[in-house]
Amino acid sequence: MQTFRLHTLSLTVFSTLLLTACGGGNSSNATTEKQVQKPEVKQGVKSLKTGTLLEPATAFKTLTAEQIKQASEEIEKNAAGAIGAPKCGVSVQYMHYDTLDAKGQPTDATGAVFVPTGNDPSCQGDRPVVLHAHGTAVQQNFNFAEVGNKTNEAGLRATSMANIFAGQGFIVIAPNYAGYDKSKLNYHPYLNADQQSREMGDALKAGREVLAKLSNTKVKDNGKLFLTGYSQGGHVALATARYFEKIKEPVTAIMPMSGPYAMEAFGDVVFGGNVMLGGTIFAPLMARSYQEQFGNIYQKPSDIFASSNADDVVGMLPTRLDLQKDLIQKGKLPLLALFQNHTGNAELDAVSPANPKFGFGFDKANYLISTPFRVKYLADMKANPDWAIQYFTDIQNGRASSIVPLVASKPEHGLRKALKENDLRSFLPQAPTVLCGGNQDPTVFFDVNTTLTHGIWKGLRGKTPGYQFGMIDMDISNQATRQRDVYATHGLVTVSDNALKTQAAAMQLAFSQDIGALAKNTVAFAMKNGKTEEQAKQLAAQAVAAKYHSTLAPYCMATARTFFQQF
């Protein structure tokens, strides 16, 4: 078996070293070109051939402001108080539109439009639009129109958006994505920057058609467009900003949240032994998506998946089955273990895991990714390094480094090629953009995605004067030991910056209190049931890790609302 030497980085190392040497951006992906000809006529999404309603939109449900408030308090008990009560009710419109798949072939998708209702002045008249991209979904019946429905996977997220945005007078347009709900596509183009951004354009076009045809509303689109999304949706939102610049669709401001922007570096960190929570869910979605996009991820499913049912894993998600009962408990999908440990290869075993805290992502027998596939991936990491990894390796080993942490120039491994093509770290939007996340997120690592991207943007700013951007770390619970910025902006108007900073500080405190209460309550419950203090603390850490990513979302969302209200 081929041997290789890996320089692996824990999350602690990433947070310690970022990001002093990003002063010299040299990305060809940055939007820095000046117009030397007459400005092109803005076409926008109205010029798209897709994004047409396939049937009349239907009034799915109507909720009063009080009903939204009650639903929010049920699903986000701690966050609801910090976020504030809605002023508006919402009329939920369900839409079905045409779009394109990963290969540019016709398909369809569905989505929801939240229209504010009520007598408050902020619920009537000309209102701004928030185009929202949701995070990873497992259930195929995911439907963002299901506000208040706790039995649908979209229910919690949709209720939160209704409360935070529609409840304050924003029109919300949210696609379910191709491959979900009643879409005829038999896979989802997961983290495919091109397809998903095009579909967001189709959803915006269709959503505006829905609004134009509503006869019983006092609300109209005022032309302001805000982009946001969480987790997978953070990546989609940033990709959409890039696509909208290409088609000349004006965007007012953007807040991507907890997204995997630096896809190649993130993949390298994970394959290098730092496994994220949820990896066994993300991998099947990504493998099928990138196989459809590029066709070179595997020749047969067993090339990438180790399990005896590899053929089934490829098409397993999204599913109409119960994830726990029908897939995990029946052994069709590992719960947490992405990779094999105790392989017999000393160098591979040294990074399986790279740090004991990632031990949950490894197992000797019941793991998801083929070990030969991982070996080939790691060999390509060595031969064709992502410069973010190389930069941090130099610093970790005490060497001065002038490397700018950009993507590998010529990766050869199929998956690394796909990750590079979908990597967004060097795209700095023209519209004001603020990234939000939490530095201890075990699902989408903050420093290798948000801090890295923000640092590269700072380097690009010299070539793009006048650009406005920033970064918010919502987690201040470890600020004393981490000693890194939890709020940084560049170029924002002072009044807007002050309002955003004030809201961010309030949400940072509320989020830290939220996860602190979860840890405290878990310790108390565990010790009451006979656990030692050390065991109770371990259980508390596990509880916080399991809920961190989802708990963070409403605090970033509420901060995005304040950001958007400045325009």
Protein backbone atom coordinates (compact mmCIF):
# COMPACT_ATOMS: atom_id res chain seq x y z
CA MET A 1 0.00 0.00 0.00
CA GLN A 2 1.22 3.47 -0.85
CA THR A 3 2.60 5.39 2.11
CA PHE A 4 2.29 9.09 2.65
CA ARG A 5 3.00 11.68 5.28
CA LEU A 6 0.09 13.77 6.40
CA HIS A 7 0.21 17.06 8.22
CA THR A 8 -3.14 17.19 9.98
CA LEU A 9 -4.67 20.12 11.75
CA SER A 10 -7.07 20.13 14.63
CA LEU A 11 -9.74 22.78 14.88
CA THR A 12 -7.72 24.33 17.71
CA VAL A 13 -4.75 24.84 15.40
CA PHE A 14 -6.97 26.44 12.77
CA SER A 15 -8.41 28.87 15.29
CA THR A 16 -4.94 29.70 16.66
CA LEU A 17 -3.28 30.45 13.35
CA LEU A 18 -5.87 32.18 11.20
CA LEU A 19 -5.46 34.53 9.36
CA THR A 20 -2.58 36.96 9.34
CA ALA A 21 -1.04 36.15 5.96
CA CYS A 22 -4.05 36.71 3.71
CA GLY A 23 -2.95 40.14 2.61
CA GLY A 24 -2.18 39.20 -0.99
CA GLY A 25 -5.15 37.71 -2.78
CA ASN A 26 -4.45 36.37 -6.23
CA SER A 27 -7.67 34.56 -7.05
CA SER A 28 -8.97 34.62 -10.57
CA ASN A 29 -12.44 33.97 -9.14
CA ALA A 30 -12.72 37.35 -7.43
CA THR A 31 -14.99 39.87 -9.08
CA THR A 32 -12.51 42.69 -9.54
CA GLU A 33 -12.82 43.54 -13.23
CA LYS A 34 -13.77 47.09 -14.15
CA GLN A 35 -16.31 47.81 -16.83
CA VAL A 36 -14.43 49.21 -19.82
CA GLN A 37 -17.38 49.09 -22.19
CA LYS A 38 -20.88 50.45 -21.92
CA PRO A 39 -22.70 48.81 -19.00
CA GLU A 40 -24.77 45.82 -20.02
CA VAL A 41 -28.52 46.07 -19.76
CA LYS A 42 -29.57 44.39 -16.55
CA GLN A 43 -31.55 41.30 -17.39
CA GLY A 44 -31.87 39.44 -14.12
CA VAL A 45 -34.01 36.42 -13.40
CA LYS A 46 -36.84 37.70 -15.60
CA SER A 47 -34.71 36.74 -18.62
CA LEU A 48 -34.41 33.08 -17.55
CA LYS A 49 -36.16 30.49 -19.70
CA THR A 50 -36.95 28.45 -16.60
CA GLY A 51 -38.58 29.51 -13.34
CA THR A 52 -42.08 29.46 -14.79
CA LEU A 53 -45.00 28.28 -12.68
CA LEU A 54 -46.18 24.85 -13.83
CA GLU A 55 -49.54 25.33 -12.16
CA PRO A 56 -51.24 28.14 -10.26
CA ALA A 57 -49.86 28.74 -6.80
CA THR A 58 -52.08 27.60 -3.95
CA ALA A 59 -52.82 29.24 -0.62
CA PHE A 60 -51.29 26.58 1.63
CA LYS A 61 -52.12 28.07 5.03
CA THR A 62 -52.55 31.35 6.86
CA LEU A 63 -51.25 32.09 10.34
CA THR A 64 -51.76 35.11 12.57
CA ALA A 65 -48.85 36.79 14.32
CA GLU A 66 -49.95 35.17 17.58
CA GLN A 67 -50.02 31.71 15.99
CA ILE A 68 -46.51 32.21 14.62
CA LYS A 69 -45.34 33.38 18.04
CA GLN A 70 -46.79 30.30 19.74
CA ALA A 71 -45.33 27.93 17.15
CA SER A 72 -41.91 29.56 17.50
CA GLU A 73 -41.97 29.27 21.27
CA GLU A 74 -42.70 25.55 20.98
CA ILE A 75 -39.77 24.80 18.68
CA GLU A 76 -37.23 27.42 19.80
CA LYS A 77 -38.00 27.81 23.48
CA ASN A 78 -34.86 29.73 24.46
CA ALA A 79 -34.29 31.62 21.21
CA ALA A 80 -37.85 32.92 20.83
CA GLY A 81 -37.52 35.40 23.68
CA ALA A 82 -34.26 36.82 22.36
CA ILE A 83 -35.52 37.04 18.78
CA GLY A 84 -38.67 38.98 19.63
CA ALA A 85 -42.35 38.62 18.78
CA PRO A 86 -43.65 38.92 15.20
CA LYS A 87 -45.73 41.93 14.18
CA CYS A 88 -47.24 40.30 11.09
CA GLY A 89 -49.12 37.16 10.26
CA VAL A 90 -48.23 35.22 7.14
CA SER A 91 -50.05 33.88 4.12
CA VAL A 92 -48.12 30.83 2.90
CA GLN A 93 -48.26 30.29 -0.86
CA TYR A 94 -47.11 26.97 -2.34
CA MET A 95 -45.54 27.03 -5.81
CA HIS A 96 -44.41 24.47 -8.41
CA TYR A 97 -41.99 25.65 -11.10
CA ASP A 98 -39.64 24.34 -13.77
CA THR A 99 -35.87 24.34 -13.40
CA LEU A 100 -32.79 22.44 -14.60
CA ASP A 101 -30.88 19.51 -13.11
CA ALA A 102 -27.10 19.10 -12.72
CA LYS A 103 -26.73 18.28 -16.42
CA GLY A 104 -28.85 21.17 -17.62
CA GLN A 105 -31.84 18.98 -18.39
CA PRO A 106 -35.42 20.05 -17.60
CA THR A 107 -36.85 19.10 -14.23
CA ASP A 108 -39.08 20.69 -11.62
CA ALA A 109 -39.11 21.86 -8.02
CA THR A 110 -41.45 23.36 -5.47
CA GLY A 111 -41.19 26.07 -2.87
CA ALA A 112 -42.99 28.54 -0.65
CA VAL A 113 -43.68 32.25 -0.62
CA PHE A 114 -44.40 33.87 2.75
CA VAL A 115 -46.49 37.03 2.35
CA PRO A 116 -46.84 39.27 5.44
CA THR A 117 -50.38 40.01 6.60
CA GLY A 118 -51.87 42.27 9.25
CA ASN A 119 -52.68 45.88 10.03
CA ASP A 120 -49.27 47.02 11.22
CA PRO A 121 -47.71 49.39 8.65
CA SER A 122 -44.68 47.10 8.35
CA CYS A 123 -46.96 44.29 7.13
CA GLN A 124 -48.39 46.23 4.18
CA GLY A 125 -47.33 48.12 1.10
CA ASP A 126 -44.01 47.81 -0.68
CA ARG A 127 -41.90 45.22 1.13
CA PRO A 128 -38.40 43.72 0.63
CA VAL A 129 -37.80 40.12 -0.45
CA VAL A 130 -35.60 37.60 1.36
CA LEU A 131 -34.56 34.72 -0.89
CA HIS A 132 -33.70 31.90 1.49
CA ALA A 133 -31.70 28.70 0.93
CA HIS A 134 -32.35 25.93 3.44
CA GLY A 135 -29.83 23.53 4.95
CA THR A 136 -29.31 19.80 4.45
CA ALA A 137 -32.54 17.82 4.47
CA VAL A 138 -32.86 14.05 4.79
CA GLN A 139 -36.57 13.56 4.20
CA GLN A 140 -37.77 13.68 0.61
CA ASN A 141 -41.13 15.20 1.62
CA PHE A 142 -39.35 18.35 2.85
CA ASN A 143 -41.71 21.26 2.20
CA PHE A 144 -41.03 24.81 3.37
CA ALA A 145 -44.73 25.62 3.16
CA GLU A 146 -45.26 23.50 6.30
CA VAL A 147 -44.95 26.37 8.78
CA GLY A 148 -45.80 25.13 12.26
CA ASN A 149 -45.84 21.45 11.26
CA LYS A 150 -43.44 19.58 13.55
CA THR A 151 -43.95 16.32 11.64
CA ASN A 152 -42.32 17.70 8.47
CA GLU A 153 -38.55 18.19 8.51
CA ALA A 154 -39.00 21.68 7.09
CA GLY A 155 -41.47 22.72 9.77
CA LEU A 156 -38.97 24.01 12.32
CA ARG A 157 -36.92 25.96 9.78
CA ALA A 158 -39.98 27.36 8.03
CA THR A 159 -41.52 28.48 11.32
CA SER A 160 -38.29 30.23 12.26
CA MET A 161 -38.21 32.09 8.93
CA ALA A 162 -41.87 33.04 9.27
CA ASN A 163 -41.21 34.42 12.74
CA ILE A 164 -37.92 36.22 12.12
CA PHE A 165 -38.51 37.61 8.63
CA ALA A 166 -42.13 37.43 7.43
CA GLY A 167 -43.26 38.33 10.95
CA GLN A 168 -41.37 41.62 10.61
CA GLY A 169 -42.63 42.47 7.13
CA PHE A 170 -40.20 40.71 4.79
CA ILE A 171 -41.54 38.67 1.89
CA VAL A 172 -39.79 35.29 1.99
CA ILE A 173 -39.20 33.11 -1.07
CA ALA A 174 -37.81 29.68 -0.22
CA PRO A 175 -37.30 26.79 -2.67
CA ASN A 176 -37.50 23.20 -1.47
CA TYR A 177 -34.86 22.33 -4.12
CA ALA A 178 -35.00 19.85 -6.97
CA GLY A 179 -35.21 16.30 -5.64
CA TYR A 180 -37.51 17.18 -2.72
CA ASP A 181 -41.25 17.26 -2.14
CA LYS A 182 -42.99 16.34 -5.41
CA SER A 183 -40.04 17.11 -7.70
CA LYS A 184 -39.60 14.36 -10.29
CA LEU A 185 -35.79 14.44 -10.02
CA ASN A 186 -34.57 11.21 -8.37
CA TYR A 187 -31.58 12.82 -6.63
CA HIS A 188 -30.72 16.20 -5.13
CA PRO A 189 -27.88 18.32 -6.65
CA TYR A 190 -26.34 18.77 -3.21
CA LEU A 191 -23.75 21.55 -2.86
CA ASN A 192 -23.64 21.94 -6.64
CA ALA A 193 -22.92 25.66 -6.81
CA ASP A 194 -23.97 26.06 -10.44
CA GLN A 195 -27.23 24.09 -10.34
CA GLN A 196 -28.37 25.35 -6.96
CA SER A 197 -27.69 28.99 -7.76
CA ARG A 198 -29.56 28.67 -11.06
CA GLU A 199 -32.47 27.10 -9.22
CA MET A 200 -32.47 29.94 -6.71
CA GLY A 201 -32.88 32.26 -9.69
CA ASP A 202 -35.76 30.14 -10.95
CA ALA A 203 -37.36 30.20 -7.50
CA LEU A 204 -37.05 33.99 -7.32
CA LYS A 205 -38.62 34.38 -10.75
CA ALA A 206 -41.46 32.00 -9.87
CA GLY A 207 -41.96 33.63 -6.47
CA ARG A 208 -42.29 37.05 -8.04
CA GLU A 209 -44.85 35.61 -10.45
CA VAL A 210 -46.80 34.32 -7.44
CA LEU A 211 -46.72 37.77 -5.84
CA ALA A 212 -47.82 39.49 -9.04
CA LYS A 213 -50.85 37.22 -9.36
CA LEU A 214 -52.07 37.60 -5.78
CA SER A 215 -55.25 39.65 -5.71
CA ASN A 216 -56.04 39.55 -1.99
CA THR A 217 -52.89 41.10 -0.57
CA LYS A 218 -51.78 44.59 0.38
CA VAL A 219 -48.12 43.67 -0.15
CA LYS A 220 -45.88 44.31 -3.14
CA ASP A 221 -42.21 43.66 -3.91
CA ASN A 222 -40.30 46.93 -3.38
CA GLY A 223 -37.27 45.80 -5.40
CA LYS A 224 -34.90 45.22 -2.49
CA LEU A 225 -33.52 41.68 -2.56
CA PHE A 226 -31.67 40.00 0.30
CA LEU A 227 -29.97 36.60 0.14
CA THR A 228 -29.55 34.30 3.09
CA GLY A 229 -29.15 30.63 3.85
CA TYR A 230 -27.93 28.33 6.59
CA SER A 231 -25.47 25.41 6.45
CA GLN A 232 -25.84 23.94 2.95
CA GLY A 233 -27.94 27.04 2.35
CA GLY A 234 -25.02 29.28 3.32
CA HIS A 235 -23.04 27.80 0.44
CA VAL A 236 -26.07 28.15 -1.84
CA ALA A 237 -26.59 31.79 -0.86
CA LEU A 238 -22.99 32.73 -1.67
CA ALA A 239 -23.12 30.79 -4.96
CA THR A 240 -26.38 32.58 -5.78
CA ALA A 241 -24.74 35.96 -5.23
CA ARG A 242 -22.09 34.98 -7.78
CA TYR A 243 -24.70 33.80 -10.28
CA PHE A 244 -26.86 36.90 -9.83
CA GLU A 245 -23.87 39.11 -10.60
CA LYS A 246 -23.40 37.13 -13.81
CA ILE A 247 -27.01 37.59 -14.95
CA LYS A 248 -27.24 41.18 -13.67
CA GLU A 249 -29.86 40.57 -10.98
CA PRO A 250 -29.47 43.35 -8.38
CA VAL A 251 -28.89 42.21 -4.78
CA THR A 252 -29.17 44.57 -1.83
CA ALA A 253 -27.27 42.63 0.86
CA ILE A 254 -26.28 39.07 1.75
CA MET A 255 -25.77 37.04 4.91
CA PRO A 256 -24.64 33.44 4.38
CA MET A 257 -24.56 31.47 7.65
CA SER A 258 -22.53 28.45 8.83
CA GLY A 259 -21.83 27.41 5.26
CA PRO A 260 -19.11 25.17 3.78
CA TYR A 261 -17.62 27.87 1.56
CA ALA A 262 -14.06 26.48 1.32
CA MET A 263 -15.20 23.10 0.06
CA GLU A 264 -11.81 21.70 -0.92
CA ALA A 265 -10.06 22.71 2.31
CA PHE A 266 -13.00 21.44 4.36
CA GLY A 267 -12.90 18.11 2.54
CA ASP A 268 -9.16 17.83 3.11
CA VAL A 269 -9.54 18.51 6.83
CA VAL A 270 -12.23 15.83 7.11
CA PHE A 271 -10.35 13.20 5.09
CA GLY A 272 -7.28 14.11 7.14
CA GLY A 273 -8.98 12.77 10.26
CA ASN A 274 -11.11 15.63 11.61
CA VAL A 275 -14.59 14.23 11.01
CA MET A 276 -17.67 16.41 11.23
CA LEU A 277 -20.93 15.41 12.87
CA GLY A 278 -23.38 14.38 10.17
CA GLY A 279 -20.73 13.13 7.77
CA THR A 280 -22.54 9.86 7.09
CA ILE A 281 -25.56 11.89 5.95
CA PHE A 282 -23.64 14.38 3.84
CA ALA A 283 -21.45 11.83 2.02
CA PRO A 284 -24.21 9.92 0.16
CA LEU A 285 -25.86 13.18 -0.91
CA MET A 286 -22.56 14.63 -2.11
CA ALA A 287 -21.36 11.50 -3.90
CA ARG A 288 -24.52 11.19 -5.97
CA SER A 289 -24.66 14.93 -6.64
CA TYR A 290 -21.07 15.20 -7.87
CA GLN A 291 -21.33 11.98 -9.86
CA GLU A 292 -24.24 13.55 -11.73
CA GLN A 293 -22.34 16.83 -12.13
CA PHE A 294 -18.93 15.47 -13.19
CA GLY A 295 -19.27 11.71 -13.74
CA ASN A 296 -15.84 10.91 -12.27
CA ILE A 297 -16.41 10.34 -8.56
CA TYR A 298 -16.68 6.56 -8.95
CA GLN A 299 -17.06 3.92 -11.65
CA LYS A 300 -19.16 1.78 -9.35
CA PRO A 301 -20.59 2.69 -5.91
CA SER A 302 -18.26 0.28 -4.08
CA ASP A 303 -15.34 2.45 -5.23
CA ILE A 304 -16.36 5.06 -2.67
CA PHE A 305 -18.62 3.26 -0.19
CA ALA A 306 -17.32 0.40 1.94
CA SER A 307 -20.60 -1.20 2.93
CA SER A 308 -21.96 -4.33 1.28
CA ASN A 309 -25.01 -2.31 0.20
CA ALA A 310 -22.93 0.35 -1.59
CA ASP A 311 -25.31 0.35 -4.55
CA ASP A 312 -28.16 1.31 -2.22
CA VAL A 313 -26.18 4.01 -0.39
CA VAL A 314 -25.74 6.05 -3.58
CA GLY A 315 -29.48 6.59 -3.97
CA MET A 316 -30.41 6.38 -0.30
CA LEU A 317 -30.86 10.10 0.42
CA PRO A 318 -33.10 12.00 0.41
CA THR A 319 -35.52 9.34 1.59
CA ARG A 320 -39.17 8.74 2.42
CA LEU A 321 -38.11 6.19 5.05
CA ASP A 322 -37.39 6.89 8.71
CA LEU A 323 -33.68 7.68 8.99
CA GLN A 324 -33.18 6.10 12.41
CA LYS A 325 -35.51 3.11 12.28
CA ASP A 326 -35.23 2.11 8.63
CA LEU A 327 -31.67 3.05 7.73
CA ILE A 328 -29.37 3.42 10.74
CA GLN A 329 -30.85 0.84 13.11
CA LYS A 330 -31.10 -1.72 10.31
CA GLY A 331 -27.42 -1.25 9.48
CA LYS A 332 -27.94 0.31 6.06
CA LEU A 333 -26.12 3.51 7.05
CA PRO A 334 -23.56 4.03 9.86
CA LEU A 335 -24.63 6.44 12.56
CA LEU A 336 -21.39 8.41 12.86
CA ALA A 337 -18.40 6.48 11.50
CA LEU A 338 -17.22 7.90 8.20
CA PHE A 339 -13.86 6.11 8.04
CA GLN A 340 -12.09 2.92 9.15
CA ASN A 341 -9.63 2.79 12.03
CA HIS A 342 -7.13 0.00 12.87
CA THR A 343 -6.39 -0.39 9.16
CA GLY A 344 -2.92 -1.88 9.59
CA ASN A 345 -1.35 1.09 7.81
CA ALA A 346 0.59 2.95 10.51
CA GLU A 347 0.52 6.34 8.80
CA LEU A 348 -3.17 6.09 8.02
CA ASP A 349 -4.00 4.90 11.53
CA ALA A 350 -2.14 7.91 12.92
CA VAL A 351 -4.87 10.13 11.46
CA SER A 352 -7.77 7.80 12.18
CA PRO A 353 -8.63 9.99 14.03
CA ALA A 354 -6.20 12.90 13.91
CA ASN A 355 -7.41 13.94 17.37
CA PRO A 356 -9.19 11.74 19.95
CA LYS A 357 -12.19 14.07 20.00
CA PHE A 358 -12.97 12.94 16.45
CA GLY A 359 -12.96 9.28 17.42
CA PHE A 360 -16.73 9.08 16.92
CA GLY A 361 -16.12 9.28 13.17
CA PHE A 362 -14.17 6.01 12.97
CA ASP A 363 -14.91 2.32 13.38
CA LYS A 364 -13.06 -0.88 12.56
CA ALA A 365 -15.97 -2.60 10.81
CA ASN A 366 -19.04 -0.37 10.44
CA TYR A 367 -17.88 2.69 8.50
CA LEU A 368 -19.07 4.40 5.32
CA ILE A 369 -16.15 5.47 3.07
CA SER A 370 -13.95 2.88 1.38
CA THR A 371 -10.42 2.90 2.83
CA PRO A 372 -8.75 2.62 -0.61
CA PHE A 373 -10.81 5.65 -1.70
CA ARG A 374 -9.56 7.60 1.33
CA VAL A 375 -5.96 6.54 0.70
CA LYS A 376 -6.12 7.85 -2.88
CA TYR A 377 -7.70 11.10 -1.68
CA LEU A 378 -4.95 11.62 0.90
CA ALA A 379 -2.26 10.88 -1.67
CA ASP A 380 -3.69 13.62 -3.88
CA MET A 381 -3.71 15.96 -0.89
CA LYS A 382 0.03 15.41 -0.59
CA ALA A 383 0.76 15.70 -4.31
CA ASN A 384 -1.57 18.64 -4.98
CA PRO A 385 -2.04 20.52 -1.71
CA ASP A 386 -4.83 22.92 -0.96
CA TRP A 387 -2.82 25.98 -0.02
CA ALA A 388 -4.89 26.61 3.09
CA ILE A 389 -3.68 23.28 4.48
CA GLN A 390 -0.10 23.91 3.36
CA TYR A 391 -0.09 27.40 4.85
CA PHE A 392 -1.17 26.18 8.27
CA THR A 393 1.25 23.26 8.12
CA ASP A 394 4.14 25.66 7.56
CA ILE A 395 3.13 27.80 10.52
CA GLN A 396 2.53 24.78 12.74
CA ASN A 397 6.04 23.53 11.97
CA GLY A 398 7.62 26.88 12.77
CA ARG A 399 8.30 27.92 9.19
CA ALA A 400 7.54 31.37 7.82
CA SER A 401 4.96 31.18 5.06
CA SER A 402 4.06 33.60 2.29
CA ILE A 403 1.43 31.25 0.87
CA VAL A 404 -2.04 32.62 0.20
CA PRO A 405 -4.47 29.87 1.31
CA LEU A 406 -6.28 29.23 -1.96
CA VAL A 407 -7.41 26.03 -3.65
CA ALA A 408 -5.05 23.43 -5.13
CA SER A 409 -4.01 24.33 -8.65
CA LYS A 410 -4.49 20.92 -10.26
CA PRO A 411 -6.05 18.25 -8.02
CA GLU A 412 -6.24 14.85 -9.71
CA HIS A 413 -8.64 12.95 -7.46
CA GLY A 414 -12.21 13.09 -8.76
CA LEU A 415 -13.76 14.20 -5.48
CA ARG A 416 -11.12 16.87 -4.89
CA LYS A 417 -11.69 18.18 -8.42
CA ALA A 418 -15.40 18.44 -7.64
CA LEU A 419 -14.77 20.17 -4.33
CA LYS A 420 -12.47 22.68 -6.01
CA GLU A 421 -15.08 23.47 -8.66
CA ASN A 422 -17.64 24.15 -5.93
CA ASP A 423 -15.27 26.09 -3.64
CA LEU A 424 -16.39 29.69 -3.09
CA ARG A 425 -13.75 31.05 -0.72
CA SER A 426 -12.33 33.57 -3.21
CA PHE A 427 -15.61 35.04 -4.42
CA LEU A 428 -16.18 38.43 -2.79
CA PRO A 429 -19.70 39.69 -3.60
CA GLN A 430 -20.28 43.22 -4.81
CA ALA A 431 -23.27 43.59 -2.48
CA PRO A 432 -22.64 44.12 1.25
CA THR A 433 -22.04 40.67 2.74
CA VAL A 434 -21.60 39.48 6.31
CA LEU A 435 -20.81 35.87 7.24
CA CYS A 436 -22.19 34.39 10.47
CA GLY A 437 -21.39 31.18 12.35
CA GLY A 438 -20.07 29.70 15.58
CA ASN A 439 -16.45 28.78 16.23
CA GLN A 440 -17.19 25.46 17.97
CA ASP A 441 -19.59 24.16 15.33
CA PRO A 442 -18.87 20.40 14.97
CA THR A 443 -20.93 20.09 11.78
CA VAL A 444 -19.61 22.85 9.50
CA PHE A 445 -16.22 23.88 10.86
CA PHE A 446 -16.07 27.63 11.37
CA ASP A 447 -12.39 28.44 10.92
CA VAL A 448 -11.76 26.41 7.79
CA ASN A 449 -14.83 27.96 6.16
CA THR A 450 -15.92 31.30 7.64
CA THR A 451 -12.66 32.60 9.12
CA LEU A 452 -10.67 31.45 6.11
CA THR A 453 -13.07 33.04 3.62
CA HIS A 454 -13.22 36.29 5.58
CA GLY A 455 -9.42 36.40 5.69
CA ILE A 456 -9.11 35.92 1.95
CA TRP A 457 -11.69 38.64 1.40
CA LYS A 458 -9.55 40.99 3.48
CA GLY A 459 -6.69 40.27 1.11
CA LEU A 460 -8.90 40.92 -1.91
CA ARG A 461 -10.14 44.23 -0.53
CA GLY A 462 -7.06 46.03 -1.81
CA LYS A 463 -8.17 45.14 -5.33
CA THR A 464 -11.82 45.87 -4.64
CA PRO A 465 -12.02 49.23 -2.83
CA GLY A 466 -15.47 50.15 -1.64
CA TYR A 467 -16.60 46.59 -1.02
CA GLN A 468 -18.48 46.03 2.24
CA PHE A 469 -18.20 42.77 4.14
CA GLY A 470 -17.71 41.25 7.55
CA MET A 471 -17.81 38.24 9.84
CA ILE A 472 -19.69 37.44 13.05
CA ASP A 473 -18.72 34.62 15.42
CA MET A 474 -21.87 34.00 17.42
CA ASP A 475 -20.05 31.92 20.07
CA ILE A 476 -18.46 34.01 22.83
CA SER A 477 -18.46 31.19 25.39
CA ASN A 478 -14.74 30.55 24.80
CA GLN A 479 -13.69 34.09 23.92
CA ALA A 480 -11.25 34.38 26.82
CA THR A 481 -9.19 31.41 25.66
CA ARG A 482 -9.72 31.73 21.91
CA GLN A 483 -8.79 35.43 21.75
CA ARG A 484 -10.07 35.96 18.23
CA ASP A 485 -12.43 38.54 16.76
CA VAL A 486 -16.10 37.76 17.29
CA TYR A 487 -17.16 40.73 15.16
CA ALA A 488 -15.31 42.32 12.26
CA THR A 489 -16.62 44.47 9.42
CA HIS A 490 -15.00 46.40 6.60
CA GLY A 491 -16.47 49.37 4.78
CA LEU A 492 -19.95 49.33 6.32
CA VAL A 493 -21.63 52.67 6.94
CA THR A 494 -21.11 53.60 10.60
CA VAL A 495 -24.81 53.79 11.49
CA SER A 496 -25.50 50.39 9.94
CA ASP A 497 -22.38 48.91 11.51
CA ASN A 498 -23.37 50.13 14.97
CA ALA A 499 -26.87 48.67 14.66
CA LEU A 500 -25.51 45.34 13.44
CA LYS A 501 -22.87 45.20 16.16
CA THR A 502 -25.46 45.89 18.86
CA GLN A 503 -27.75 43.14 17.60
CA ALA A 504 -24.85 40.72 17.17
CA ALA A 505 -23.75 41.31 20.77
CA ALA A 506 -27.26 40.58 22.05
CA MET A 507 -27.52 37.39 19.99
CA GLN A 508 -24.02 36.28 20.98
CA LEU A 509 -24.94 36.56 24.63
CA ALA A 510 -28.26 34.77 24.12
CA PHE A 511 -26.68 31.91 22.16
CA SER A 512 -23.93 31.39 24.71
CA GLN A 513 -26.53 31.36 27.49
CA ASP A 514 -28.57 28.86 25.47
CA ILE A 515 -25.79 26.31 25.02
CA GLY A 516 -24.57 26.99 28.56
CA ALA A 517 -28.00 26.12 29.96
CA LEU A 518 -28.07 22.94 27.87
CA ALA A 519 -24.72 21.84 29.31
CA LYS A 520 -25.72 22.72 32.87
CA ASN A 521 -29.05 20.91 32.65
CA THR A 522 -27.43 17.83 31.12
CA VAL A 523 -24.87 17.63 33.93
CA ALA A 524 -27.58 17.99 36.59
CA PHE A 525 -29.76 15.31 34.99
CA ALA A 526 -26.84 12.90 34.55
CA MET A 527 -25.61 13.24 38.13
CA LYS A 528 -29.14 12.84 39.44
CA ASN A 529 -29.23 9.51 37.62
CA GLY A 530 -26.01 8.18 39.10
CA LYS A 531 -23.31 9.43 36.76
CA THR A 532 -20.02 10.74 38.10
CA GLU A 533 -19.16 14.38 37.59
CA GLU A 534 -16.68 13.47 34.85
CA GLN A 535 -19.22 11.27 33.08
CA ALA A 536 -21.83 14.01 33.38
CA LYS A 537 -19.48 16.56 31.81
CA GLN A 538 -18.78 14.20 28.91
CA LEU A 539 -22.50 13.74 28.34
CA ALA A 540 -22.97 17.51 28.46
CA ALA A 541 -20.27 18.02 25.83
CA GLN A 542 -21.97 15.45 23.62
CA ALA A 543 -25.36 17.11 24.09
CA VAL A 544 -23.98 20.53 23.16
CA ALA A 545 -22.19 19.11 20.11
CA ALA A 546 -25.35 17.36 18.92
CA LYS A 547 -27.47 20.52 19.14
CA TYR A 548 -24.90 23.23 18.44
CA HIS A 549 -25.42 23.59 14.69
CA SER A 550 -29.22 23.74 14.81
CA THR A 551 -29.33 25.87 17.97
CA LEU A 552 -27.10 28.49 16.36
CA ALA A 553 -29.36 29.09 13.35
CA PRO A 554 -32.04 31.44 14.77
CA TYR A 555 -29.44 33.70 16.39
CA CYS A 556 -27.66 34.21 13.08
CA MET A 557 -31.03 34.64 11.35
CA ALA A 558 -32.13 37.35 13.78
CA THR A 559 -28.82 39.13 13.23
CA ALA A 560 -29.34 38.91 9.46
CA ARG A 561 -32.72 40.57 9.90
CA THR A 562 -31.13 43.55 11.62
CA PHE A 563 -28.47 43.73 8.90
CA PHE A 564 -31.10 43.76 6.17
CA GLN A 565 -33.18 46.39 7.98
CA GLN A 566 -30.32 48.87 7.49
CA PHE A 567 -30.99 49.09 3.73
